[in-house]
Amino acid sequence: MAHEQFRQHGSVEKALAHLVEEMGEVMAAVGKTQRFGLESYNPLLPPEQRETNEQWLRREVDDLKLTIAKLESEAGW
């Protein structure tokens, strides 16, 4: 359990924390895509779990868009 002083309070603060998390996931997907290309995938994953870097990037960007919309709603923008 997080210490009281580090807990997120209020919906805007939670939305901001989620935004930072999603931005990090997009950055990871972009980094792998730049290094290995859009069609590459993680060969260590079982075939049923594999997705191309393009699929991964699209999924993460979609998640980021939803998170931005949530922040805008919570902040009343």
C-alpha atoms as a PDB file:
ATOM      1  CA  MET A   1       0.000   0.000   0.000  1.00  0.00           C
ATOM      2  CA  ALA A   2       1.315   3.445  -0.901  1.00  0.00           C
ATOM      3  CA  HIS A   3       2.344   5.781   1.880  1.00  0.00           C
ATOM      4  CA  GLU A   4      -0.271   8.498   2.470  1.00  0.00           C
ATOM      5  CA  GLN A   5       1.909  11.342   1.171  1.00  0.00           C
ATOM      6  CA  PHE A   6       2.447   9.505  -2.141  1.00  0.00           C
ATOM      7  CA  ARG A   7      -1.149   8.490  -2.799  1.00  0.00           C
ATOM      8  CA  GLN A   8      -2.980  10.156  -5.638  1.00  0.00           C
ATOM      9  CA  HIS A   9      -5.942  12.224  -4.483  1.00  0.00           C
ATOM     10  CA  GLY A  10      -8.731  13.484  -6.681  1.00  0.00           C
ATOM     11  CA  SER A  11      -9.726  12.517 -10.156  1.00  0.00           C
ATOM     12  CA  VAL A  12      -7.502  15.038 -11.982  1.00  0.00           C
ATOM     13  CA  GLU A  13      -4.417  13.786 -10.148  1.00  0.00           C
ATOM     14  CA  LYS A  14      -5.318  10.182 -10.975  1.00  0.00           C
ATOM     15  CA  ALA A  15      -5.897  11.122 -14.614  1.00  0.00           C
ATOM     16  CA  LEU A  16      -2.485  12.821 -14.733  1.00  0.00           C
ATOM     17  CA  ALA A  17      -0.791   9.755 -13.252  1.00  0.00           C
ATOM     18  CA  HIS A  18      -2.518   7.560 -15.826  1.00  0.00           C
ATOM     19  CA  LEU A  19      -1.447   9.960 -18.581  1.00  0.00           C
ATOM     20  CA  VAL A  20       2.217   9.682 -17.569  1.00  0.00           C
ATOM     21  CA  GLU A  21       1.959   5.876 -17.531  1.00  0.00           C
ATOM     22  CA  GLU A  22       0.374   5.754 -20.991  1.00  0.00           C
ATOM     23  CA  MET A  23       2.915   8.195 -22.411  1.00  0.00           C
ATOM     24  CA  GLY A  24       5.685   5.901 -21.197  1.00  0.00           C
ATOM     25  CA  GLU A  25       4.055   2.947 -22.927  1.00  0.00           C
ATOM     26  CA  VAL A  26       3.817   4.901 -26.190  1.00  0.00           C
ATOM     27  CA  MET A  27       7.471   5.887 -25.865  1.00  0.00           C
ATOM     28  CA  ALA A  28       8.467   2.236 -25.387  1.00  0.00           C
ATOM     29  CA  ALA A  29       6.492   1.191 -28.466  1.00  0.00           C
ATOM     30  CA  VAL A  30       7.994   4.013 -30.545  1.00  0.00           C
ATOM     31  CA  GLY A  31      11.509   3.116 -29.409  1.00  0.00           C
ATOM     32  CA  LYS A  32      11.140  -0.549 -30.366  1.00  0.00           C
ATOM     33  CA  THR A  33       9.540   0.412 -33.654  1.00  0.00           C
ATOM     34  CA  GLN A  34      12.393   2.751 -34.512  1.00  0.00           C
ATOM     35  CA  ARG A  35      14.983   0.116 -33.634  1.00  0.00           C
ATOM     36  CA  PHE A  36      13.393  -2.893 -35.299  1.00  0.00           C
ATOM     37  CA  GLY A  37      10.738  -1.635 -37.737  1.00  0.00           C
ATOM     38  CA  LEU A  38       6.959  -1.691 -37.970  1.00  0.00           C
ATOM     39  CA  GLU A  39       6.652  -5.326 -39.040  1.00  0.00           C
ATOM     40  CA  SER A  40       8.975  -6.734 -36.376  1.00  0.00           C
ATOM     41  CA  TYR A  41       7.621  -8.556 -33.318  1.00  0.00           C
ATOM     42  CA  ASN A  42       8.973 -10.109 -30.137  1.00  0.00           C
ATOM     43  CA  PRO A  43      10.064 -13.636 -31.146  1.00  0.00           C
ATOM     44  CA  LEU A  44      10.208 -14.710 -27.484  1.00  0.00           C
ATOM     45  CA  LEU A  45       6.429 -14.456 -27.113  1.00  0.00           C
ATOM     46  CA  PRO A  46       4.224 -17.444 -27.921  1.00  0.00           C
ATOM     47  CA  PRO A  47       2.687 -17.112 -31.408  1.00  0.00           C
ATOM     48  CA  GLU A  48      -0.805 -16.455 -30.029  1.00  0.00           C
ATOM     49  CA  GLN A  49       0.503 -13.437 -28.065  1.00  0.00           C
ATOM     50  CA  ARG A  50       2.598 -11.887 -30.825  1.00  0.00           C
ATOM     51  CA  GLU A  51       1.755  -8.579 -32.432  1.00  0.00           C
ATOM     52  CA  THR A  52       3.789  -6.469 -34.799  1.00  0.00           C
ATOM     53  CA  ASN A  53       5.352  -3.271 -33.541  1.00  0.00           C
ATOM     54  CA  GLU A  54       2.800  -1.412 -35.650  1.00  0.00           C
ATOM     55  CA  GLN A  55      -0.078  -3.192 -33.898  1.00  0.00           C
ATOM     56  CA  TRP A  56       1.487  -2.538 -30.511  1.00  0.00           C
ATOM     57  CA  LEU A  57       2.076   1.139 -31.314  1.00  0.00           C
ATOM     58  CA  ARG A  58      -1.484   1.603 -32.585  1.00  0.00           C
ATOM     59  CA  ARG A  59      -2.866  -0.027 -29.424  1.00  0.00           C
ATOM     60  CA  GLU A  60      -0.771   2.186 -27.167  1.00  0.00           C
ATOM     61  CA  VAL A  61      -1.658   5.358 -29.099  1.00  0.00           C
ATOM     62  CA  ASP A  62      -5.351   4.454 -28.826  1.00  0.00           C
ATOM     63  CA  ASP A  63      -4.922   3.986 -25.064  1.00  0.00           C
ATOM     64  CA  LEU A  64      -3.184   7.373 -24.871  1.00  0.00           C
ATOM     65  CA  LYS A  65      -6.034   9.063 -26.757  1.00  0.00           C
ATOM     66  CA  LEU A  66      -8.566   7.607 -24.309  1.00  0.00           C
ATOM     67  CA  THR A  67      -6.463   8.740 -21.380  1.00  0.00           C
ATOM     68  CA  ILE A  68      -6.202  12.275 -22.775  1.00  0.00           C
ATOM     69  CA  ALA A  69      -9.977  12.364 -23.217  1.00  0.00           C
ATOM     70  CA  LYS A  70     -10.425  11.203 -19.607  1.00  0.00           C
ATOM     71  CA  LEU A  71      -8.081  13.924 -18.344  1.00  0.00           C
ATOM     72  CA  GLU A  72      -9.925  16.573 -20.362  1.00  0.00           C
ATOM     73  CA  SER A  73     -13.216  15.398 -18.940  1.00  0.00           C
ATOM     74  CA  GLU A  74     -11.953  15.275 -15.351  1.00  0.00           C
ATOM     75  CA  ALA A  75     -10.316  18.710 -15.637  1.00  0.00           C
ATOM     76  CA  GLY A  76     -13.333  20.244 -17.371  1.00  0.00           C
ATOM     77  CA  TRP A  77     -11.361  21.245 -20.444  1.00  0.00           C
END
